[in-house]
Amino acid sequence: MSPAAPATALVPEILVQTVGAFQENCYLVVDPTTRAAAVVDPGAEGARLVDWIAAADVRVEAIWLTHAHLDHVGAIAEVVARWDVPIHLHPDDLPVFGHAPRAAAMYGLRFDPQPAPTAAFADGERLTLGALTFDVMHAPGHAPGHVVIHGHGVAIVGDCLFRGSIGRTDLPLSDPRALARSLERIAALPASTVAYPGHGPETTIGRERAENPFLNGAARVVGA
């Protein structure tokens, strides 16, 4: 009898659309088999995002918010008007969500009212998307309720980690010591993990361990 063929690894399809004044990355995480999808951080340009999502031929099942800074939540209304799905946010970021209109005004930006989150992320929670499963890591520091969503060799890292850099800790409710601890947890993910940040290009955990001064010990988070 011939040996059984090895199981095919599940690989999420990750699509990106960069939007708004802050050039924020909105992601579609897609199960390629069932086309079940989650919209991650719909930050701005709602009409363009809706057209992009519709063209992707997916079944939208949820909105996942890594955190609630204004540039990550400004197009929720348009998305849920088209797809009535749960809006997931860690409860520690509800004050940040409430502050978003005032933060936008400080930058002179228009910010329309957004529907409130309807589902609460928790550290260690397991998310199911079609045949895919992802784990939620509470990763505070840049924002108190920031989360990283990871599984199947990918991690949506929001504004904790960028290629060669890290997120700001000089914003209201930021905490540099908490970010330093969160970066240690993120750096412990497998080296091959592809990290998708809230701004800028994708990277890998292994690359950041080697080259990012905040992960390789050459620099430290100011205030940590």
C-alpha atoms as a PDB file:
ATOM      1  CA  MET A   1       0.000   0.000   0.000  1.00  0.00           C
ATOM      2  CA  SER A   2       1.344   3.431  -0.904  1.00  0.00           C
ATOM      3  CA  PRO A   3       1.926   5.830   1.988  1.00  0.00           C
ATOM      4  CA  ALA A   4      -0.745   8.431   2.499  1.00  0.00           C
ATOM      5  CA  ALA A   5      -0.030  11.808   0.967  1.00  0.00           C
ATOM      6  CA  PRO A   6       0.836  14.462   3.547  1.00  0.00           C
ATOM      7  CA  ALA A   7      -1.966  16.789   4.510  1.00  0.00           C
ATOM      8  CA  THR A   8      -1.899  20.099   2.697  1.00  0.00           C
ATOM      9  CA  ALA A   9      -1.107  22.950   5.037  1.00  0.00           C
ATOM     10  CA  LEU A  10      -3.813  25.561   5.340  1.00  0.00           C
ATOM     11  CA  VAL A  11      -2.512  28.897   4.116  1.00  0.00           C
ATOM     12  CA  PRO A  12      -4.655  32.021   4.593  1.00  0.00           C
ATOM     13  CA  GLU A  13      -5.027  34.445   1.726  1.00  0.00           C
ATOM     14  CA  ILE A  14      -4.067  37.915   2.957  1.00  0.00           C
ATOM     15  CA  LEU A  15      -5.172  40.873   0.837  1.00  0.00           C
ATOM     16  CA  VAL A  16      -4.260  44.462   1.659  1.00  0.00           C
ATOM     17  CA  GLN A  17      -5.636  47.878   0.784  1.00  0.00           C
ATOM     18  CA  THR A  18      -3.828  50.984   2.038  1.00  0.00           C
ATOM     19  CA  VAL A  19      -6.170  53.854   2.873  1.00  0.00           C
ATOM     20  CA  GLY A  20      -6.486  57.303   4.359  1.00  0.00           C
ATOM     21  CA  ALA A  21      -4.267  60.173   5.385  1.00  0.00           C
ATOM     22  CA  PHE A  22      -2.190  57.868   7.598  1.00  0.00           C
ATOM     23  CA  GLN A  23      -1.695  55.231   4.861  1.00  0.00           C
ATOM     24  CA  GLU A  24      -3.163  52.520   7.068  1.00  0.00           C
ATOM     25  CA  ASN A  25      -3.261  48.900   5.925  1.00  0.00           C
ATOM     26  CA  CYS A  26      -6.713  47.327   5.890  1.00  0.00           C
ATOM     27  CA  TYR A  27      -6.517  43.569   5.465  1.00  0.00           C
ATOM     28  CA  LEU A  28      -8.823  40.841   4.231  1.00  0.00           C
ATOM     29  CA  VAL A  29      -8.006  37.505   5.855  1.00  0.00           C
ATOM     30  CA  VAL A  30      -9.535  34.809   3.670  1.00  0.00           C
ATOM     31  CA  ASP A  31      -9.979  31.061   3.916  1.00  0.00           C
ATOM     32  CA  PRO A  32      -9.198  30.131   0.299  1.00  0.00           C
ATOM     33  CA  THR A  33     -11.401  27.023   0.428  1.00  0.00           C
ATOM     34  CA  THR A  34     -14.655  28.478   1.735  1.00  0.00           C
ATOM     35  CA  ARG A  35     -13.937  32.176   0.941  1.00  0.00           C
ATOM     36  CA  ALA A  36     -14.926  33.062   4.509  1.00  0.00           C
ATOM     37  CA  ALA A  37     -13.228  36.374   5.324  1.00  0.00           C
ATOM     38  CA  ALA A  38     -12.589  38.851   8.092  1.00  0.00           C
ATOM     39  CA  VAL A  39     -12.014  42.543   7.468  1.00  0.00           C
ATOM     40  CA  VAL A  40      -9.180  43.789   9.663  1.00  0.00           C
ATOM     41  CA  ASP A  41      -8.954  47.476  10.600  1.00  0.00           C
ATOM     42  CA  PRO A  42     -11.179  49.241   8.038  1.00  0.00           C
ATOM     43  CA  GLY A  43      -9.639  52.641   8.667  1.00  0.00           C
ATOM     44  CA  ALA A  44     -10.801  55.092   5.992  1.00  0.00           C
ATOM     45  CA  GLU A  45     -12.178  55.478   2.450  1.00  0.00           C
ATOM     46  CA  GLY A  46     -15.155  53.266   3.179  1.00  0.00           C
ATOM     47  CA  ALA A  47     -16.657  53.304  -0.303  1.00  0.00           C
ATOM     48  CA  ARG A  48     -13.356  52.186  -1.830  1.00  0.00           C
ATOM     49  CA  LEU A  49     -12.978  49.445   0.777  1.00  0.00           C
ATOM     50  CA  VAL A  50     -16.502  48.145   0.128  1.00  0.00           C
ATOM     51  CA  ASP A  51     -15.824  47.962  -3.624  1.00  0.00           C
ATOM     52  CA  TRP A  52     -12.511  46.202  -2.986  1.00  0.00           C
ATOM     53  CA  ILE A  53     -14.042  43.662  -0.621  1.00  0.00           C
ATOM     54  CA  ALA A  54     -16.947  42.965  -2.985  1.00  0.00           C
ATOM     55  CA  ALA A  55     -14.530  42.383  -5.877  1.00  0.00           C
ATOM     56  CA  ALA A  56     -12.592  39.820  -3.830  1.00  0.00           C
ATOM     57  CA  ASP A  57     -15.488  37.331  -4.015  1.00  0.00           C
ATOM     58  CA  VAL A  58     -15.503  36.557  -0.296  1.00  0.00           C
ATOM     59  CA  ARG A  59     -18.107  35.863   2.386  1.00  0.00           C
ATOM     60  CA  VAL A  60     -17.494  38.489   5.049  1.00  0.00           C
ATOM     61  CA  GLU A  61     -18.028  37.046   8.523  1.00  0.00           C
ATOM     62  CA  ALA A  62     -16.459  39.575  10.899  1.00  0.00           C
ATOM     63  CA  ILE A  63     -14.591  42.803  11.425  1.00  0.00           C
ATOM     64  CA  TRP A  64     -11.460  42.389  13.558  1.00  0.00           C
ATOM     65  CA  LEU A  65      -9.947  45.535  15.064  1.00  0.00           C
ATOM     66  CA  THR A  66      -6.351  45.263  16.249  1.00  0.00           C
ATOM     67  CA  HIS A  67      -6.958  48.510  18.144  1.00  0.00           C
ATOM     68  CA  ALA A  68      -9.161  51.592  17.958  1.00  0.00           C
ATOM     69  CA  HIS A  69      -6.992  54.518  16.898  1.00  0.00           C
ATOM     70  CA  LEU A  70      -8.824  56.750  14.457  1.00  0.00           C
ATOM     71  CA  ASP A  71      -6.907  55.548  11.395  1.00  0.00           C
ATOM     72  CA  HIS A  72      -7.975  51.941  12.045  1.00  0.00           C
ATOM     73  CA  VAL A  73     -11.706  52.403  12.672  1.00  0.00           C
ATOM     74  CA  GLY A  74     -12.919  55.196  10.372  1.00  0.00           C
ATOM     75  CA  ALA A  75     -14.675  53.013   7.777  1.00  0.00           C
ATOM     76  CA  ILE A  76     -16.491  50.518   9.983  1.00  0.00           C
ATOM     77  CA  ALA A  77     -19.873  52.098   9.207  1.00  0.00           C
ATOM     78  CA  GLU A  78     -19.634  51.561   5.458  1.00  0.00           C
ATOM     79  CA  VAL A  79     -18.540  47.960   5.863  1.00  0.00           C
ATOM     80  CA  VAL A  80     -21.320  46.962   8.283  1.00  0.00           C
ATOM     81  CA  ALA A  81     -23.883  48.790   6.159  1.00  0.00           C
ATOM     82  CA  ARG A  82     -23.019  46.302   3.393  1.00  0.00           C
ATOM     83  CA  TRP A  83     -22.237  43.255   5.556  1.00  0.00           C
ATOM     84  CA  ASP A  84     -23.997  43.037   8.920  1.00  0.00           C
ATOM     85  CA  VAL A  85     -21.255  41.262  10.850  1.00  0.00           C
ATOM     86  CA  PRO A  86     -19.831  41.378  14.394  1.00  0.00           C
ATOM     87  CA  ILE A  87     -17.262  44.070  15.193  1.00  0.00           C
ATOM     88  CA  HIS A  88     -14.525  42.650  17.440  1.00  0.00           C
ATOM     89  CA  LEU A  89     -12.405  44.846  19.734  1.00  0.00           C
ATOM     90  CA  HIS A  90     -10.610  44.209  23.021  1.00  0.00           C
ATOM     91  CA  PRO A  91     -12.622  45.989  25.754  1.00  0.00           C
ATOM     92  CA  ASP A  92      -9.530  47.792  27.067  1.00  0.00           C
ATOM     93  CA  ASP A  93      -9.573  49.830  23.860  1.00  0.00           C
ATOM     94  CA  LEU A  94     -13.125  51.127  24.229  1.00  0.00           C
ATOM     95  CA  PRO A  95     -11.836  54.457  25.658  1.00  0.00           C
ATOM     96  CA  VAL A  96      -9.574  54.800  22.612  1.00  0.00           C
ATOM     97  CA  PHE A  97     -12.547  54.111  20.349  1.00  0.00           C
ATOM     98  CA  GLY A  98     -14.545  56.802  22.131  1.00  0.00           C
ATOM     99  CA  HIS A  99     -11.704  59.292  21.738  1.00  0.00           C
ATOM    100  CA  ALA A 100     -11.361  58.789  17.973  1.00  0.00           C
ATOM    101  CA  PRO A 101     -13.564  61.738  16.884  1.00  0.00           C
ATOM    102  CA  ARG A 102     -11.590  64.162  19.079  1.00  0.00           C
ATOM    103  CA  ALA A 103      -8.312  62.707  17.859  1.00  0.00           C
ATOM    104  CA  ALA A 104      -9.414  63.222  14.260  1.00  0.00           C
ATOM    105  CA  ALA A 105     -10.361  66.831  15.016  1.00  0.00           C
ATOM    106  CA  MET A 106      -6.842  67.441  16.344  1.00  0.00           C
ATOM    107  CA  TYR A 107      -5.511  66.481  12.918  1.00  0.00           C
ATOM    108  CA  GLY A 108      -8.169  68.478  11.091  1.00  0.00           C
ATOM    109  CA  LEU A 109      -9.715  65.309   9.678  1.00  0.00           C
ATOM    110  CA  ARG A 110     -13.347  64.449   9.140  1.00  0.00           C
ATOM    111  CA  PHE A 111     -14.509  61.488  11.201  1.00  0.00           C
ATOM    112  CA  ASP A 112     -18.057  60.217  10.809  1.00  0.00           C
ATOM    113  CA  PRO A 113     -19.841  58.399  13.672  1.00  0.00           C
ATOM    114  CA  GLN A 114     -18.978  54.700  13.772  1.00  0.00           C
ATOM    115  CA  PRO A 115     -21.025  51.787  15.128  1.00  0.00           C
ATOM    116  CA  ALA A 116     -19.770  50.484  18.448  1.00  0.00           C
ATOM    117  CA  PRO A 117     -17.981  47.143  18.734  1.00  0.00           C
ATOM    118  CA  THR A 118     -20.313  44.215  19.332  1.00  0.00           C
ATOM    119  CA  ALA A 119     -17.857  41.455  20.317  1.00  0.00           C
ATOM    120  CA  ALA A 120     -14.996  41.456  22.833  1.00  0.00           C
ATOM    121  CA  PHE A 121     -11.588  39.973  22.100  1.00  0.00           C
ATOM    122  CA  ALA A 122      -9.819  38.178  24.962  1.00  0.00           C
ATOM    123  CA  ASP A 123      -6.225  37.040  25.327  1.00  0.00           C
ATOM    124  CA  GLY A 124      -5.929  33.417  24.246  1.00  0.00           C
ATOM    125  CA  GLU A 125      -9.247  33.416  22.408  1.00  0.00           C
ATOM    126  CA  ARG A 126      -9.479  31.118  19.385  1.00  0.00           C
ATOM    127  CA  LEU A 127     -11.118  32.563  16.271  1.00  0.00           C
ATOM    128  CA  THR A 128     -12.570  30.394  13.518  1.00  0.00           C
ATOM    129  CA  LEU A 129     -12.753  31.545   9.914  1.00  0.00           C
ATOM    130  CA  GLY A 130     -13.965  28.803   7.605  1.00  0.00           C
ATOM    131  CA  ALA A 131     -11.395  26.014   8.048  1.00  0.00           C
ATOM    132  CA  LEU A 132      -8.854  28.397   9.573  1.00  0.00           C
ATOM    133  CA  THR A 133      -8.228  29.085  13.249  1.00  0.00           C
ATOM    134  CA  PHE A 134      -6.366  32.035  14.729  1.00  0.00           C
ATOM    135  CA  ASP A 135      -5.280  32.928  18.243  1.00  0.00           C
ATOM    136  CA  VAL A 136      -5.746  36.330  19.856  1.00  0.00           C
ATOM    137  CA  MET A 137      -2.780  37.767  21.760  1.00  0.00           C
ATOM    138  CA  HIS A 138      -3.468  40.790  23.939  1.00  0.00           C
ATOM    139  CA  ALA A 139      -0.489  43.042  23.139  1.00  0.00           C
ATOM    140  CA  PRO A 140      -0.949  46.377  24.944  1.00  0.00           C
ATOM    141  CA  GLY A 141       1.461  49.288  24.811  1.00  0.00           C
ATOM    142  CA  HIS A 142       0.705  51.219  21.646  1.00  0.00           C
ATOM    143  CA  ALA A 143      -2.908  51.092  22.805  1.00  0.00           C
ATOM    144  CA  PRO A 144      -4.297  49.426  25.948  1.00  0.00           C
ATOM    145  CA  GLY A 145      -6.503  46.962  24.100  1.00  0.00           C
ATOM    146  CA  HIS A 146      -4.210  46.235  21.174  1.00  0.00           C
ATOM    147  CA  VAL A 147      -4.269  42.626  19.959  1.00  0.00           C
ATOM    148  CA  VAL A 148      -2.216  40.509  17.582  1.00  0.00           C
ATOM    149  CA  ILE A 149      -4.100  37.849  15.605  1.00  0.00           C
ATOM    150  CA  HIS A 150      -1.923  34.930  14.539  1.00  0.00           C
ATOM    151  CA  GLY A 151      -2.114  31.458  13.067  1.00  0.00           C
ATOM    152  CA  HIS A 152      -1.190  29.380  10.021  1.00  0.00           C
ATOM    153  CA  GLY A 153       2.158  31.127   9.704  1.00  0.00           C
ATOM    154  CA  VAL A 154       0.845  34.699   9.676  1.00  0.00           C
ATOM    155  CA  ALA A 155       0.366  37.407  12.290  1.00  0.00           C
ATOM    156  CA  ILE A 156      -1.659  40.585  11.962  1.00  0.00           C
ATOM    157  CA  VAL A 157       0.429  42.776  14.273  1.00  0.00           C
ATOM    158  CA  GLY A 158      -1.319  46.139  13.926  1.00  0.00           C
ATOM    159  CA  ASP A 159       0.822  49.019  15.160  1.00  0.00           C
ATOM    160  CA  CYS A 160       2.951  47.058  17.654  1.00  0.00           C
ATOM    161  CA  LEU A 161       5.622  46.100  15.146  1.00  0.00           C
ATOM    162  CA  PHE A 162       6.728  47.490  11.814  1.00  0.00           C
ATOM    163  CA  ARG A 163       9.538  46.486   9.484  1.00  0.00           C
ATOM    164  CA  GLY A 164      12.580  47.809  11.321  1.00  0.00           C
ATOM    165  CA  SER A 165      10.594  49.748  13.920  1.00  0.00           C
ATOM    166  CA  ILE A 166       7.790  49.652  16.492  1.00  0.00           C
ATOM    167  CA  GLY A 167       4.630  51.544  17.347  1.00  0.00           C
ATOM    168  CA  ARG A 168       4.442  54.904  19.103  1.00  0.00           C
ATOM    169  CA  THR A 169       4.089  55.124  22.866  1.00  0.00           C
ATOM    170  CA  ASP A 170       3.573  58.878  23.175  1.00  0.00           C
ATOM    171  CA  LEU A 171      -0.161  58.757  22.471  1.00  0.00           C
ATOM    172  CA  PRO A 172      -2.937  58.959  25.084  1.00  0.00           C
ATOM    173  CA  LEU A 173      -3.187  55.678  27.041  1.00  0.00           C
ATOM    174  CA  SER A 174       0.020  54.303  25.479  1.00  0.00           C
ATOM    175  CA  ASP A 175       2.399  52.466  27.816  1.00  0.00           C
ATOM    176  CA  PRO A 176       6.054  51.902  26.820  1.00  0.00           C
ATOM    177  CA  ARG A 177       6.660  49.226  29.450  1.00  0.00           C
ATOM    178  CA  ALA A 178       3.630  47.297  28.291  1.00  0.00           C
ATOM    179  CA  LEU A 179       4.789  47.560  24.665  1.00  0.00           C
ATOM    180  CA  ALA A 180       8.213  46.197  25.597  1.00  0.00           C
ATOM    181  CA  ARG A 181       6.537  43.161  27.183  1.00  0.00           C
ATOM    182  CA  SER A 182       4.238  42.726  24.188  1.00  0.00           C
ATOM    183  CA  LEU A 183       7.196  42.811  21.799  1.00  0.00           C
ATOM    184  CA  GLU A 184       8.798  39.965  23.734  1.00  0.00           C
ATOM    185  CA  ARG A 185       5.667  37.869  23.197  1.00  0.00           C
ATOM    186  CA  ILE A 186       5.478  38.766  19.512  1.00  0.00           C
ATOM    187  CA  ALA A 187       9.177  37.974  19.016  1.00  0.00           C
ATOM    188  CA  ALA A 188       8.554  34.503  20.478  1.00  0.00           C
ATOM    189  CA  LEU A 189       6.352  33.552  17.506  1.00  0.00           C
ATOM    190  CA  PRO A 190       8.049  31.219  14.990  1.00  0.00           C
ATOM    191  CA  ALA A 191      10.747  32.948  12.922  1.00  0.00           C
ATOM    192  CA  SER A 192       8.975  32.069   9.664  1.00  0.00           C
ATOM    193  CA  THR A 193       5.786  33.885  10.716  1.00  0.00           C
ATOM    194  CA  VAL A 194       4.872  36.596   8.213  1.00  0.00           C
ATOM    195  CA  ALA A 195       3.947  39.769  10.104  1.00  0.00           C
ATOM    196  CA  TYR A 196       1.422  42.148   8.566  1.00  0.00           C
ATOM    197  CA  PRO A 197       1.640  45.608  10.186  1.00  0.00           C
ATOM    198  CA  GLY A 198      -0.847  48.443  10.316  1.00  0.00           C
ATOM    199  CA  HIS A 199       1.439  50.613   8.178  1.00  0.00           C
ATOM    200  CA  GLY A 200       4.179  49.804   5.717  1.00  0.00           C
ATOM    201  CA  PRO A 201       5.331  46.521   4.178  1.00  0.00           C
ATOM    202  CA  GLU A 202       5.051  43.028   5.560  1.00  0.00           C
ATOM    203  CA  THR A 203       8.020  41.372   7.237  1.00  0.00           C
ATOM    204  CA  THR A 204       8.843  38.186   9.146  1.00  0.00           C
ATOM    205  CA  ILE A 205       9.435  37.590  12.822  1.00  0.00           C
ATOM    206  CA  GLY A 206      12.861  36.152  12.008  1.00  0.00           C
ATOM    207  CA  ARG A 207      13.872  39.222  10.046  1.00  0.00           C
ATOM    208  CA  GLU A 208      12.784  41.524  12.855  1.00  0.00           C
ATOM    209  CA  ARG A 209      14.613  39.480  15.487  1.00  0.00           C
ATOM    210  CA  ALA A 210      17.771  39.900  13.431  1.00  0.00           C
ATOM    211  CA  GLU A 211      17.434  43.466  12.127  1.00  0.00           C
ATOM    212  CA  ASN A 212      14.953  45.402  14.255  1.00  0.00           C
ATOM    213  CA  PRO A 213      16.928  47.261  16.954  1.00  0.00           C
ATOM    214  CA  PHE A 214      14.010  47.004  19.376  1.00  0.00           C
ATOM    215  CA  LEU A 215      13.968  43.213  19.060  1.00  0.00           C
ATOM    216  CA  ASN A 216      17.695  42.443  18.757  1.00  0.00           C
ATOM    217  CA  GLY A 217      18.767  44.418  21.817  1.00  0.00           C
ATOM    218  CA  ALA A 218      20.394  47.367  20.058  1.00  0.00           C
ATOM    219  CA  ALA A 219      17.695  49.772  21.279  1.00  0.00           C
ATOM    220  CA  ARG A 220      15.018  49.834  23.920  1.00  0.00           C
ATOM    221  CA  VAL A 221      11.541  51.286  24.080  1.00  0.00           C
ATOM    222  CA  VAL A 222      11.904  54.785  25.506  1.00  0.00           C
ATOM    223  CA  GLY A 223      10.326  54.873  28.953  1.00  0.00           C
ATOM    224  CA  ALA A 224      10.302  51.105  29.405  1.00  0.00           C
END
